[in-house]
Amino acid sequence: GSGTYRVRVHARGRDTAPDGAVDGG
């Protein structure tokens, strides 16, 4: 329910196509 939570965000590849667009999906 409502309240405060902790999230842990993991990321990789953010430098692969910076400012670009990725087709597909």
PDB file of all heavy atoms in Angstrom:
ATOM      1  N   GLY A   1       0.807  -1.213   0.000  1.00  0.00           N
ATOM      2  CA  GLY A   1       0.000   0.000   0.000  1.00  0.00           C
ATOM      3  C   GLY A   1       0.841   1.264   0.000  1.00  0.00           C
ATOM      4  O   GLY A   1       2.038   1.239  -0.270  1.00  0.00           O
ATOM      5  N   SER A   2       0.201   2.379   0.301  1.00  0.00           N
ATOM      6  CA  SER A   2       0.901   3.666   0.244  1.00  0.00           C
ATOM      7  C   SER A   2       1.947   3.761   1.344  1.00  0.00           C
ATOM      8  O   SER A   2       1.872   3.092   2.367  1.00  0.00           O
ATOM      9  CB  SER A   2      -0.096   4.819   0.352  1.00  0.00           C
ATOM     10  OG  SER A   2      -0.781   4.737   1.577  1.00  0.00           O
ATOM     11  N   GLY A   3       2.949   4.604   1.092  1.00  0.00           N
ATOM     12  CA  GLY A   3       4.022   4.793   2.051  1.00  0.00           C
ATOM     13  C   GLY A   3       5.345   5.001   1.348  1.00  0.00           C
ATOM     14  O   GLY A   3       5.399   5.292   0.154  1.00  0.00           O
ATOM     15  N   THR A   4       6.427   4.838   2.080  1.00  0.00           N
ATOM     16  CA  THR A   4       7.771   5.019   1.549  1.00  0.00           C
ATOM     17  C   THR A   4       8.399   3.657   1.295  1.00  0.00           C
ATOM     18  O   THR A   4       8.305   2.756   2.123  1.00  0.00           O
ATOM     19  CB  THR A   4       8.640   5.827   2.535  1.00  0.00           C
ATOM     20  OG1 THR A   4       8.005   7.089   2.756  1.00  0.00           O
ATOM     21  CG2 THR A   4      10.033   6.057   1.981  1.00  0.00           C
ATOM     22  N   TYR A   5       9.037   3.517   0.151  1.00  0.00           N
ATOM     23  CA  TYR A   5       9.687   2.278  -0.264  1.00  0.00           C
ATOM     24  C   TYR A   5      11.108   2.583  -0.708  1.00  0.00           C
ATOM     25  O   TYR A   5      11.443   3.719  -1.006  1.00  0.00           O
ATOM     26  CB  TYR A   5       8.936   1.648  -1.453  1.00  0.00           C
ATOM     27  CG  TYR A   5       7.599   1.073  -1.104  1.00  0.00           C
ATOM     28  CD1 TYR A   5       6.476   1.871  -0.967  1.00  0.00           C
ATOM     29  CD2 TYR A   5       7.449  -0.299  -0.927  1.00  0.00           C
ATOM     30  CE1 TYR A   5       5.240   1.335  -0.654  1.00  0.00           C
ATOM     31  CE2 TYR A   5       6.222  -0.849  -0.621  1.00  0.00           C
ATOM     32  CZ  TYR A   5       5.114  -0.028  -0.484  1.00  0.00           C
ATOM     33  OH  TYR A   5       3.893  -0.567  -0.167  1.00  0.00           O
ATOM     34  N   ARG A   6      11.926   1.541  -0.788  1.00  0.00           N
ATOM     35  CA  ARG A   6      13.259   1.645  -1.384  1.00  0.00           C
ATOM     36  C   ARG A   6      13.212   0.904  -2.711  1.00  0.00           C
ATOM     37  O   ARG A   6      12.683  -0.196  -2.799  1.00  0.00           O
ATOM     38  CB  ARG A   6      14.314   0.987  -0.501  1.00  0.00           C
ATOM     39  CG  ARG A   6      14.630   1.721   0.766  1.00  0.00           C
ATOM     40  CD  ARG A   6      15.299   3.036   0.579  1.00  0.00           C
ATOM     41  NE  ARG A   6      16.702   2.905   0.221  1.00  0.00           N
ATOM     42  CZ  ARG A   6      17.475   3.910  -0.074  1.00  0.00           C
ATOM     43  NH1 ARG A   6      17.004   5.134  -0.074  1.00  0.00           N
ATOM     44  NH2 ARG A   6      18.727   3.730  -0.375  1.00  0.00           N
ATOM     45  N   VAL A   7      13.760   1.532  -3.736  1.00  0.00           N
ATOM     46  CA  VAL A   7      13.945   0.852  -5.017  1.00  0.00           C
ATOM     47  C   VAL A   7      15.437   0.819  -5.307  1.00  0.00           C
ATOM     48  O   VAL A   7      16.175   1.724  -4.946  1.00  0.00           O
ATOM     49  CB  VAL A   7      13.184   1.529  -6.185  1.00  0.00           C
ATOM     50  CG1 VAL A   7      11.692   1.475  -5.975  1.00  0.00           C
ATOM     51  CG2 VAL A   7      13.638   2.943  -6.423  1.00  0.00           C
ATOM     52  N   ARG A   8      15.855  -0.246  -5.918  1.00  0.00           N
ATOM     53  CA  ARG A   8      17.244  -0.363  -6.367  1.00  0.00           C
ATOM     54  C   ARG A   8      17.169  -0.465  -7.886  1.00  0.00           C
ATOM     55  O   ARG A   8      16.599  -1.404  -8.424  1.00  0.00           O
ATOM     56  CB  ARG A   8      17.905  -1.599  -5.771  1.00  0.00           C
ATOM     57  CG  ARG A   8      19.369  -1.742  -6.203  1.00  0.00           C
ATOM     58  CD  ARG A   8      20.065  -2.887  -5.491  1.00  0.00           C
ATOM     59  NE  ARG A   8      20.216  -2.540  -4.085  1.00  0.00           N
ATOM     60  CZ  ARG A   8      19.991  -3.399  -3.080  1.00  0.00           C
ATOM     61  NH1 ARG A   8      19.610  -4.624  -3.323  1.00  0.00           N
ATOM     62  NH2 ARG A   8      20.165  -3.011  -1.839  1.00  0.00           N
ATOM     63  N   VAL A   9      17.714   0.523  -8.569  1.00  0.00           N
ATOM     64  CA  VAL A   9      17.689   0.573 -10.023  1.00  0.00           C
ATOM     65  C   VAL A   9      19.052   0.117 -10.535  1.00  0.00           C
ATOM     66  O   VAL A   9      20.078   0.686 -10.168  1.00  0.00           O
ATOM     67  CB  VAL A   9      17.371   2.002 -10.524  1.00  0.00           C
ATOM     68  CG1 VAL A   9      17.360   2.050 -12.039  1.00  0.00           C
ATOM     69  CG2 VAL A   9      16.040   2.480  -9.951  1.00  0.00           C
ATOM     70  N   HIS A  10      19.036  -0.918 -11.383  1.00  0.00           N
ATOM     71  CA  HIS A  10      20.250  -1.435 -12.031  1.00  0.00           C
ATOM     72  C   HIS A  10      20.177  -1.047 -13.504  1.00  0.00           C
ATOM     73  O   HIS A  10      19.121  -1.167 -14.118  1.00  0.00           O
ATOM     74  CB  HIS A  10      20.293  -2.963 -11.972  1.00  0.00           C
ATOM     75  CG  HIS A  10      20.352  -3.539 -10.603  1.00  0.00           C
ATOM     76  ND1 HIS A  10      19.272  -3.572  -9.749  1.00  0.00           N
ATOM     77  CD2 HIS A  10      21.360  -4.136  -9.939  1.00  0.00           C
ATOM     78  CE1 HIS A  10      19.607  -4.159  -8.626  1.00  0.00           C
ATOM     79  NE2 HIS A  10      20.880  -4.511  -8.704  1.00  0.00           N
ATOM     80  N   ALA A  11      21.278  -0.606 -14.067  1.00  0.00           N
ATOM     81  CA  ALA A  11      21.284  -0.225 -15.482  1.00  0.00           C
ATOM     82  C   ALA A  11      22.585  -0.668 -16.132  1.00  0.00           C
ATOM     83  O   ALA A  11      23.628  -0.735 -15.497  1.00  0.00           O
ATOM     84  CB  ALA A  11      21.121   1.287 -15.635  1.00  0.00           C
ATOM     85  N   ARG A  12      22.465  -0.966 -17.425  1.00  0.00           N
ATOM     86  CA  ARG A  12      23.661  -1.232 -18.231  1.00  0.00           C
ATOM     87  C   ARG A  12      23.369  -0.782 -19.656  1.00  0.00           C
ATOM     88  O   ARG A  12      22.224  -0.707 -20.083  1.00  0.00           O
ATOM     89  CB  ARG A  12      24.070  -2.698 -18.181  1.00  0.00           C
ATOM     90  CG  ARG A  12      23.105  -3.632 -18.824  1.00  0.00           C
ATOM     91  CD  ARG A  12      23.646  -5.071 -18.820  1.00  0.00           C
ATOM     92  NE  ARG A  12      22.545  -5.995 -18.973  1.00  0.00           N
ATOM     93  CZ  ARG A  12      22.141  -6.844 -18.041  1.00  0.00           C
ATOM     94  NH1 ARG A  12      22.764  -6.917 -16.885  1.00  0.00           N
ATOM     95  NH2 ARG A  12      21.121  -7.633 -18.264  1.00  0.00           N
ATOM     96  N   GLY A  13      24.422  -0.429 -20.369  1.00  0.00           N
ATOM     97  CA  GLY A  13      24.285  -0.060 -21.777  1.00  0.00           C
ATOM     98  C   GLY A  13      23.723   1.324 -22.022  1.00  0.00           C
ATOM     99  O   GLY A  13      23.313   1.628 -23.140  1.00  0.00           O
ATOM    100  N   ARG A  14      23.713   2.190 -21.026  1.00  0.00           N
ATOM    101  CA  ARG A  14      23.151   3.531 -21.258  1.00  0.00           C
ATOM    102  C   ARG A  14      24.025   4.363 -22.181  1.00  0.00           C
ATOM    103  O   ARG A  14      23.573   5.368 -22.723  1.00  0.00           O
ATOM    104  CB  ARG A  14      22.937   4.270 -19.935  1.00  0.00           C
ATOM    105  CG  ARG A  14      21.822   3.650 -19.128  1.00  0.00           C
ATOM    106  CD  ARG A  14      21.290   4.490 -17.981  1.00  0.00           C
ATOM    107  NE  ARG A  14      22.252   5.285 -17.281  1.00  0.00           N
ATOM    108  CZ  ARG A  14      21.989   6.506 -16.813  1.00  0.00           C
ATOM    109  NH1 ARG A  14      20.820   7.074 -17.005  1.00  0.00           N
ATOM    110  NH2 ARG A  14      22.906   7.174 -16.146  1.00  0.00           N
ATOM    111  N   ASP A  15      25.262   3.945 -22.411  1.00  0.00           N
ATOM    112  CA  ASP A  15      26.148   4.664 -23.334  1.00  0.00           C
ATOM    113  C   ASP A  15      26.148   4.052 -24.731  1.00  0.00           C
ATOM    114  O   ASP A  15      26.844   4.542 -25.620  1.00  0.00           O
ATOM    115  CB  ASP A  15      27.587   4.668 -22.796  1.00  0.00           C
ATOM    116  CG  ASP A  15      27.719   5.464 -21.517  1.00  0.00           C
ATOM    117  OD1 ASP A  15      26.928   6.412 -21.323  1.00  0.00           O
ATOM    118  OD2 ASP A  15      28.584   5.128 -20.697  1.00  0.00           O
ATOM    119  N   THR A  16      25.345   3.004 -24.944  1.00  0.00           N
ATOM    120  CA  THR A  16      25.346   2.295 -26.228  1.00  0.00           C
ATOM    121  C   THR A  16      24.842   3.167 -27.368  1.00  0.00           C
ATOM    122  O   THR A  16      25.447   3.221 -28.425  1.00  0.00           O
ATOM    123  CB  THR A  16      24.503   1.016 -26.128  1.00  0.00           C
ATOM    124  OG1 THR A  16      25.040   0.206 -25.080  1.00  0.00           O
ATOM    125  CG2 THR A  16      24.507   0.243 -27.428  1.00  0.00           C
ATOM    126  N   ALA A  17      23.712   3.829 -27.184  1.00  0.00           N
ATOM    127  CA  ALA A  17      23.143   4.689 -28.231  1.00  0.00           C
ATOM    128  C   ALA A  17      22.670   6.000 -27.610  1.00  0.00           C
ATOM    129  O   ALA A  17      21.498   6.328 -27.666  1.00  0.00           O
ATOM    130  CB  ALA A  17      21.993   3.976 -28.930  1.00  0.00           C
ATOM    131  N   PRO A  18      23.595   6.749 -27.012  1.00  0.00           N
ATOM    132  CA  PRO A  18      23.153   7.973 -26.337  1.00  0.00           C
ATOM    133  C   PRO A  18      22.492   8.937 -27.317  1.00  0.00           C
ATOM    134  O   PRO A  18      22.975   9.125 -28.425  1.00  0.00           O
ATOM    135  CB  PRO A  18      24.430   8.563 -25.740  1.00  0.00           C
ATOM    136  CG  PRO A  18      25.540   7.937 -26.514  1.00  0.00           C
ATOM    137  CD  PRO A  18      25.045   6.604 -26.981  1.00  0.00           C
ATOM    138  N   ASP A  19      21.386   9.480 -26.881  1.00  0.00           N
ATOM    139  CA  ASP A  19      20.603  10.439 -27.661  1.00  0.00           C
ATOM    140  C   ASP A  19      20.022   9.867 -28.945  1.00  0.00           C
ATOM    141  O   ASP A  19      19.442  10.585 -29.737  1.00  0.00           O
ATOM    142  CB  ASP A  19      21.428  11.691 -27.999  1.00  0.00           C
ATOM    143  CG  ASP A  19      21.824  12.442 -26.744  1.00  0.00           C
ATOM    144  OD1 ASP A  19      21.047  12.400 -25.770  1.00  0.00           O
ATOM    145  OD2 ASP A  19      22.911  13.051 -26.729  1.00  0.00           O
ATOM    146  N   GLY A  20      20.159   8.571 -29.146  1.00  0.00           N
ATOM    147  CA  GLY A  20      19.622   7.945 -30.345  1.00  0.00           C
ATOM    148  C   GLY A  20      18.267   7.318 -30.087  1.00  0.00           C
ATOM    149  O   GLY A  20      17.670   7.462 -29.046  1.00  0.00           O
ATOM    150  N   ALA A  21      17.802   6.633 -31.103  1.00  0.00           N
ATOM    151  CA  ALA A  21      16.553   5.894 -31.027  1.00  0.00           C
ATOM    152  C   ALA A  21      16.834   4.438 -31.353  1.00  0.00           C
ATOM    153  O   ALA A  21      17.647   4.136 -32.198  1.00  0.00           O
ATOM    154  CB  ALA A  21      15.528   6.470 -32.000  1.00  0.00           C
ATOM    155  N   VAL A  22      16.162   3.557 -30.649  1.00  0.00           N
ATOM    156  CA  VAL A  22      16.322   2.131 -30.885  1.00  0.00           C
ATOM    157  C   VAL A  22      15.022   1.603 -31.453  1.00  0.00           C
ATOM    158  O   VAL A  22      13.969   1.726 -30.821  1.00  0.00           O
ATOM    159  CB  VAL A  22      16.694   1.403 -29.579  1.00  0.00           C
ATOM    160  CG1 VAL A  22      16.771  -0.092 -29.802  1.00  0.00           C
ATOM    161  CG2 VAL A  22      18.000   1.931 -29.041  1.00  0.00           C
ATOM    162  N   ASP A  23      15.072   1.063 -32.655  1.00  0.00           N
ATOM    163  CA  ASP A  23      13.878   0.503 -33.286  1.00  0.00           C
ATOM    164  C   ASP A  23      13.587  -0.860 -32.706  1.00  0.00           C
ATOM    165  O   ASP A  23      14.431  -1.485 -32.087  1.00  0.00           O
ATOM    166  CB  ASP A  23      14.070   0.395 -34.801  1.00  0.00           C
ATOM    167  CG  ASP A  23      14.137   1.754 -35.456  1.00  0.00           C
ATOM    168  OD1 ASP A  23      13.495   2.688 -34.942  1.00  0.00           O
ATOM    169  OD2 ASP A  23      14.842   1.872 -36.472  1.00  0.00           O
ATOM    170  N   GLY A  24      12.416  -1.353 -32.986  1.00  0.00           N
ATOM    171  CA  GLY A  24      12.019  -2.663 -32.492  1.00  0.00           C
ATOM    172  C   GLY A  24      11.048  -2.516 -31.361  1.00  0.00           C
ATOM    173  O   GLY A  24      10.791  -1.439 -30.867  1.00  0.00           O
ATOM    174  N   GLY A  25      10.497  -3.611 -30.946  1.00  0.00           N
ATOM    175  CA  GLY A  25       9.513  -3.596 -29.872  1.00  0.00           C
ATOM    176  C   GLY A  25       8.173  -4.023 -30.393  1.00  0.00           C
ATOM    177  O   GLY A  25       8.028  -4.424 -31.545  1.00  0.00           O
TER     178      GLY A  25
END
